[in-house]
Amino acid sequence: MKPEVKAYLHPNPPLDGGTITNLWGNTYELKNRPFLEVELFNFAPGKYAIEVLHPVKIKKNVDIDSRSAIVYLYHDEFVNHKLSEVDILISGEEYEGRFTLPLTVHKISGRVKDFEGNPFPSYLWATKEEDIGFKSIIKTDRDGKFVFYYPEGKKLRLFVDDKSYSKTTFECWVIANTVKSDLEINPRVGNFELYDLQVWFTVGLCFAFFIPASLPLSMREKESGWKQHYPPILTKEDRITIFINNKKAEIREITEIPVDRKDYYPSYVVVAKPEQEKLTFPTIVKVEVNSPDKGRGEAWYVLYR
């Protein structure tokens, strides 16, 4: 098969936000540099030089050992979100190819608040579950307002929280199956997490899957030295709500599905009937939990046709 190359621009500005530590003592750096993500397909295993010729000159040597690979190239010139194309030369022992690749970046903007309606200055961190080396991070202003740039065509997995994460708060997630347009999202951060939110529509219904995490219950587990287990079991009393393009949907069913792990832990599929007879795209779905004892939190999912 013919070698193929794709490029994605991540132009969020340089940032040094220190570190953030989770409930289990893992520490992560809140640092950012603008970068170019280059995906390589159908290249024979071997050593290659990946060289950007325009708009800046930068070179990186890599070893490719599979039919697909990802290379990250960092440079402050990549902060320009209006860059429309990039020239790349790829050289190997038996290969040389030059590619002019289009770049399209979209703007995700909004304001982060807490569940009392107060501004919540936060970090927004795009991650890849399968690649811990990938990160694109910004910090909101003091009023929680933000602009986050993200390339077209990539799946979005966006963490939203501040350094109170896993101390007094759990993160809000913003997920998109791809990004094809500018978006306005106004996340709220509480003390309940809806992890790995997945949303789909079929037979006129909305299905939302997520794995819950309750900070109050997690803190009880930590205080027991992790010897006691308090799974966040949800019921209708925990006030699960789904909004579809800002309109409240009718909850039809809440189904518990045990997660595949050695100790019992639940996940959920919530079925809701949209108020709209016909959906418009992008379809923006917000799932909320407002539990009197397990906490409050939300997550967002964006679908494109």
Protein backbone atom coordinates (compact mmCIF):
# COMPACT_ATOMS: atom_id res chain seq x y z
CA MET A 1 0.00 0.00 0.00
CA LYS A 2 1.11 3.56 -0.72
CA PRO A 3 2.56 5.54 2.22
CA GLU A 4 0.10 8.09 3.60
CA VAL A 5 0.67 11.09 5.88
CA LYS A 6 -1.77 13.28 7.82
CA ALA A 7 -1.00 16.36 9.92
CA TYR A 8 -2.92 17.99 12.76
CA LEU A 9 -2.10 21.34 14.35
CA HIS A 10 -2.38 21.86 18.13
CA PRO A 11 -1.77 25.62 18.46
CA ASN A 12 -2.61 26.27 22.12
CA PRO A 13 -0.01 28.66 23.60
CA PRO A 14 2.92 27.78 25.88
CA LEU A 15 1.93 27.15 29.49
CA ASP A 16 3.69 26.20 32.71
CA GLY A 17 0.96 25.50 35.25
CA GLY A 18 2.94 23.41 37.70
CA THR A 19 1.57 19.98 38.58
CA ILE A 20 -1.66 18.25 39.52
CA THR A 21 -1.94 15.14 41.73
CA ASN A 22 -4.79 12.66 41.80
CA LEU A 23 -6.34 10.74 44.69
CA TRP A 24 -3.87 7.87 44.30
CA GLY A 25 -0.75 10.03 44.40
CA ASN A 26 -0.01 10.17 40.66
CA THR A 27 1.38 13.56 39.64
CA TYR A 28 1.07 15.14 36.17
CA GLU A 29 2.69 18.25 34.72
CA LEU A 30 0.40 21.01 33.50
CA LYS A 31 2.73 22.16 30.75
CA ASN A 32 2.02 22.93 27.14
CA ARG A 33 3.88 23.77 23.95
CA PRO A 34 2.18 24.19 20.57
CA PHE A 35 2.89 21.24 18.33
CA LEU A 36 2.23 19.42 15.09
CA GLU A 37 0.91 15.87 15.21
CA VAL A 38 1.99 13.79 12.20
CA GLU A 39 0.37 10.42 11.48
CA LEU A 40 2.22 7.96 9.23
CA PHE A 41 0.56 5.01 7.53
CA ASN A 42 1.91 2.12 5.43
CA PHE A 43 5.59 2.90 5.91
CA ALA A 44 8.00 -0.04 6.00
CA PRO A 45 9.71 -0.57 9.38
CA GLY A 46 12.96 1.35 9.68
CA LYS A 47 14.62 4.65 10.53
CA TYR A 48 13.17 7.86 9.09
CA ALA A 49 13.78 11.59 9.26
CA ILE A 50 10.62 13.68 9.56
CA GLU A 51 11.44 17.23 8.43
CA VAL A 52 9.07 20.20 8.37
CA LEU A 53 10.08 22.56 5.57
CA HIS A 54 7.33 25.16 5.98
CA PRO A 55 6.15 27.21 7.90
CA VAL A 56 9.21 26.50 10.10
CA LYS A 57 12.18 24.21 9.76
CA ILE A 58 12.27 21.40 12.29
CA LYS A 59 13.52 17.82 12.03
CA LYS A 60 13.04 14.68 14.08
CA ASN A 61 14.50 11.18 13.60
CA VAL A 62 12.18 8.28 14.42
CA ASP A 63 12.11 4.49 14.34
CA ILE A 64 8.96 3.06 12.77
CA ASP A 65 8.18 -0.52 13.71
CA SER A 66 4.57 -0.85 12.60
CA ARG A 67 2.32 0.14 9.70
CA SER A 68 1.11 3.23 11.58
CA ALA A 69 2.99 5.71 13.77
CA ILE A 70 2.51 9.13 15.34
CA VAL A 71 5.21 11.80 15.64
CA TYR A 72 4.91 15.00 17.70
CA LEU A 73 6.91 18.04 16.58
CA TYR A 74 7.07 20.95 19.03
CA HIS A 75 7.78 24.55 18.03
CA ASP A 76 6.48 27.91 19.24
CA GLU A 77 5.68 28.91 15.65
CA PHE A 78 2.89 26.33 15.70
CA VAL A 79 0.95 28.68 18.00
CA ASN A 80 -0.61 30.27 14.90
CA HIS A 81 -4.04 28.65 14.65
CA LYS A 82 -4.53 30.22 11.20
CA LEU A 83 -1.83 28.10 9.55
CA SER A 84 -3.50 26.44 6.57
CA GLU A 85 -0.88 23.95 5.42
CA VAL A 86 2.46 22.37 6.23
CA ASP A 87 5.25 21.01 4.00
CA ILE A 88 6.88 17.80 5.23
CA LEU A 89 9.80 15.80 3.82
CA ILE A 90 10.09 12.17 4.97
CA SER A 91 13.34 10.35 4.27
CA GLY A 92 14.27 6.72 4.94
CA GLU A 93 16.91 4.25 3.80
CA GLU A 94 14.86 3.35 0.73
CA TYR A 95 12.22 6.05 0.70
CA GLU A 96 11.85 9.80 0.20
CA GLY A 97 8.59 11.67 -0.12
CA ARG A 98 7.41 15.25 0.18
CA PHE A 99 3.91 16.10 1.32
CA THR A 100 1.94 19.36 1.39
CA LEU A 101 -0.78 18.77 3.97
CA PRO A 102 -3.83 20.91 4.82
CA LEU A 103 -4.39 22.11 8.39
CA THR A 104 -7.78 23.04 9.85
CA VAL A 105 -8.28 24.07 13.46
CA HIS A 106 -11.54 24.77 15.29
CA LYS A 107 -12.24 26.87 18.36
CA ILE A 108 -13.92 25.47 21.47
CA SER A 109 -14.95 28.32 23.74
CA GLY A 110 -17.04 28.83 26.83
CA ARG A 111 -16.92 29.43 30.55
CA VAL A 112 -16.28 26.97 33.39
CA LYS A 113 -18.39 27.29 36.55
CA ASP A 114 -19.04 25.27 39.66
CA PHE A 115 -22.47 23.89 40.58
CA GLU A 116 -23.28 27.02 42.57
CA GLY A 117 -22.92 29.12 39.41
CA ASN A 118 -19.59 30.68 40.39
CA PRO A 119 -16.69 31.10 37.92
CA PHE A 120 -14.29 28.17 38.27
CA PRO A 121 -10.83 28.96 36.84
CA SER A 122 -9.56 25.66 35.49
CA TYR A 123 -7.19 23.78 33.25
CA LEU A 124 -8.52 22.19 30.08
CA TRP A 125 -6.44 19.20 29.07
CA ALA A 126 -6.93 17.21 25.86
CA THR A 127 -5.75 13.66 26.42
CA LYS A 128 -5.58 10.36 24.58
CA GLU A 129 -6.44 7.31 26.64
CA GLU A 130 -4.10 5.16 24.54
CA ASP A 131 -1.20 7.64 24.49
CA ILE A 132 -0.13 9.20 27.79
CA GLY A 133 2.52 11.23 25.95
CA PHE A 134 -0.13 13.32 24.19
CA LYS A 135 -1.42 16.48 25.85
CA SER A 136 -2.64 19.91 24.85
CA ILE A 137 -3.41 22.16 27.82
CA ILE A 138 -4.72 25.66 28.43
CA LYS A 139 -5.76 27.61 31.51
CA THR A 140 -8.95 29.68 31.70
CA ASP A 141 -8.92 33.29 32.80
CA ARG A 142 -9.96 34.26 36.34
CA ASP A 143 -13.63 34.27 35.28
CA GLY A 144 -13.44 30.73 33.92
CA LYS A 145 -13.59 31.88 30.28
CA PHE A 146 -11.54 29.97 27.73
CA VAL A 147 -10.68 29.43 24.09
CA PHE A 148 -9.26 26.01 23.27
CA TYR A 149 -8.04 25.18 19.76
CA TYR A 150 -8.31 21.64 18.40
CA PRO A 151 -7.70 20.15 14.94
CA GLU A 152 -10.49 19.05 12.65
CA GLY A 153 -11.01 15.32 12.28
CA LYS A 154 -9.60 14.21 15.63
CA LYS A 155 -11.49 12.65 18.50
CA LEU A 156 -11.64 15.00 21.48
CA ARG A 157 -11.26 13.89 25.09
CA LEU A 158 -11.07 17.00 27.26
CA PHE A 159 -10.45 17.03 31.04
CA VAL A 160 -11.73 20.12 32.92
CA ASP A 161 -10.71 20.86 36.55
CA ASP A 162 -8.25 22.83 38.67
CA LYS A 163 -5.68 21.79 41.29
CA SER A 164 -8.48 20.87 43.69
CA TYR A 165 -8.88 17.78 41.51
CA SER A 166 -9.44 14.65 43.65
CA LYS A 167 -9.20 16.77 46.82
CA THR A 168 -12.54 18.60 46.74
CA THR A 169 -13.53 18.14 43.08
CA PHE A 170 -13.68 15.57 40.31
CA GLU A 171 -13.26 16.55 36.67
CA CYS A 172 -15.83 17.28 34.02
CA TRP A 173 -15.24 15.57 30.66
CA VAL A 174 -16.02 16.93 27.19
CA ILE A 175 -15.96 14.20 24.53
CA ALA A 176 -16.47 14.45 20.76
CA ASN A 177 -16.40 11.63 18.26
CA THR A 178 -14.68 14.12 15.94
CA VAL A 179 -14.42 17.89 15.64
CA LYS A 180 -15.79 19.54 12.49
CA SER A 181 -16.82 23.02 13.63
CA ASP A 182 -16.37 25.68 16.28
CA LEU A 183 -18.18 24.79 19.50
CA GLU A 184 -19.47 26.58 22.58
CA ILE A 185 -19.40 24.43 25.73
CA ASN A 186 -19.95 25.69 29.28
CA PRO A 187 -18.75 22.93 31.63
CA ARG A 188 -19.46 22.75 35.35
CA VAL A 189 -17.09 21.12 37.82
CA GLY A 190 -18.42 19.36 40.91
CA ASN A 191 -17.43 16.37 43.01
CA PHE A 192 -18.83 13.59 40.81
CA GLU A 193 -17.29 12.22 37.61
CA LEU A 194 -19.02 10.65 34.61
CA TYR A 195 -16.04 8.86 33.08
CA ASP A 196 -15.82 7.51 29.51
CA LEU A 197 -19.15 9.02 28.45
CA GLN A 198 -20.39 7.50 25.19
CA VAL A 199 -23.60 8.59 23.48
CA TRP A 200 -25.51 7.18 20.54
CA PHE A 201 -28.99 7.47 19.03
CA THR A 202 -31.18 4.70 17.65
CA VAL A 203 -34.92 4.02 17.20
CA GLY A 204 -35.66 7.59 18.26
CA LEU A 205 -33.93 7.26 21.63
CA CYS A 206 -30.71 8.57 23.17
CA PHE A 207 -28.41 6.07 24.90
CA ALA A 208 -25.72 7.39 27.27
CA PHE A 209 -23.07 5.10 28.81
CA PHE A 210 -20.73 6.21 31.59
CA ILE A 211 -18.69 4.94 34.53
CA PRO A 212 -19.44 6.93 37.70
CA ALA A 213 -16.98 8.12 40.34
CA SER A 214 -18.05 9.83 43.56
CA LEU A 215 -15.46 11.90 45.43
CA PRO A 216 -17.29 11.56 48.79
CA LEU A 217 -17.27 7.76 48.42
CA SER A 218 -13.69 7.69 47.12
CA MET A 219 -12.55 9.71 50.13
CA ARG A 220 -14.23 7.17 52.41
CA GLU A 221 -12.27 4.42 50.65
CA LYS A 222 -9.02 6.37 51.05
CA GLU A 223 -9.70 6.97 54.76
CA SER A 224 -10.11 3.20 55.22
CA GLY A 225 -6.67 2.66 53.68
CA TRP A 226 -8.41 1.38 50.54
CA LYS A 227 -9.65 -1.64 52.53
CA GLN A 228 -13.34 -0.72 52.28
CA HIS A 229 -15.13 -0.54 48.92
CA TYR A 230 -17.95 1.96 48.31
CA PRO A 231 -19.15 1.63 44.71
CA PRO A 232 -21.28 4.58 43.47
CA ILE A 233 -24.60 2.82 42.87
CA LEU A 234 -27.06 5.20 41.21
CA THR A 235 -30.87 5.28 41.31
CA LYS A 236 -33.55 7.72 40.15
CA GLU A 237 -33.11 9.51 43.49
CA ASP A 238 -29.65 10.58 42.28
CA ARG A 239 -31.37 12.82 39.73
CA ILE A 240 -29.77 11.80 36.46
CA THR A 241 -30.66 14.32 33.75
CA ILE A 242 -29.91 14.42 30.02
CA PHE A 243 -30.02 17.56 27.90
CA ILE A 244 -29.91 17.27 24.10
CA ASN A 245 -29.07 20.54 22.33
CA ASN A 246 -30.12 22.42 25.49
CA LYS A 247 -33.50 20.67 25.77
CA LYS A 248 -34.25 18.30 28.64
CA ALA A 249 -34.94 14.72 27.54
CA GLU A 250 -37.33 12.30 29.21
CA ILE A 251 -35.47 9.57 31.12
CA ARG A 252 -36.96 6.19 30.18
CA GLU A 253 -34.58 3.68 31.76
CA ILE A 254 -31.41 3.40 33.88
CA THR A 255 -29.57 0.10 33.50
CA GLU A 256 -26.61 -0.97 35.62
CA ILE A 257 -23.78 -2.91 33.97
CA PRO A 258 -20.93 -4.28 36.15
CA VAL A 259 -17.46 -3.22 35.03
CA ASP A 260 -15.06 -6.07 34.26
CA ARG A 261 -12.73 -5.92 37.29
CA LYS A 262 -12.02 -8.13 40.31
CA ASP A 263 -14.18 -6.13 42.72
CA TYR A 264 -17.74 -5.01 42.01
CA TYR A 265 -18.04 -1.65 40.26
CA PRO A 266 -21.01 -0.37 38.25
CA SER A 267 -21.35 1.44 34.95
CA TYR A 268 -24.64 2.69 33.53
CA VAL A 269 -26.62 3.05 30.34
CA VAL A 270 -29.29 5.72 30.57
CA VAL A 271 -32.02 5.74 27.92
CA ALA A 272 -33.82 9.01 27.20
CA LYS A 273 -36.42 10.28 24.74
CA PRO A 274 -35.38 13.53 23.02
CA GLU A 275 -37.88 16.37 23.01
CA GLN A 276 -36.90 17.14 19.42
CA GLU A 277 -38.49 15.13 16.64
CA LYS A 278 -35.45 15.72 14.44
CA LEU A 279 -31.88 16.26 15.61
CA THR A 280 -29.57 18.93 14.25
CA PHE A 281 -25.80 18.47 14.04
CA PRO A 282 -23.57 18.83 15.84
CA THR A 283 -25.72 17.25 18.53
CA ILE A 284 -24.49 18.31 21.98
CA VAL A 285 -25.52 16.04 24.84
CA LYS A 286 -24.99 16.88 28.51
CA VAL A 287 -25.48 14.22 31.19
CA GLU A 288 -25.80 15.38 34.81
CA VAL A 289 -25.87 13.65 38.17
CA ASN A 290 -27.20 15.64 41.16
CA SER A 291 -27.05 13.17 44.05
CA PRO A 292 -27.77 14.24 47.64
CA ASP A 293 -25.03 11.97 49.02
CA LYS A 294 -22.78 10.94 46.11
CA GLY A 295 -22.13 14.37 44.64
CA ARG A 296 -22.84 16.50 41.61
CA GLY A 297 -21.16 16.33 38.23
CA GLU A 298 -21.66 16.37 34.49
CA ALA A 299 -20.08 15.33 31.21
CA TRP A 300 -20.63 16.41 27.61
CA TYR A 301 -20.66 14.49 24.34
CA VAL A 302 -20.66 16.02 20.84
CA LEU A 303 -21.79 14.04 17.80
CA TYR A 304 -21.44 14.91 14.15
CA ARG A 305 -23.23 13.31 11.27
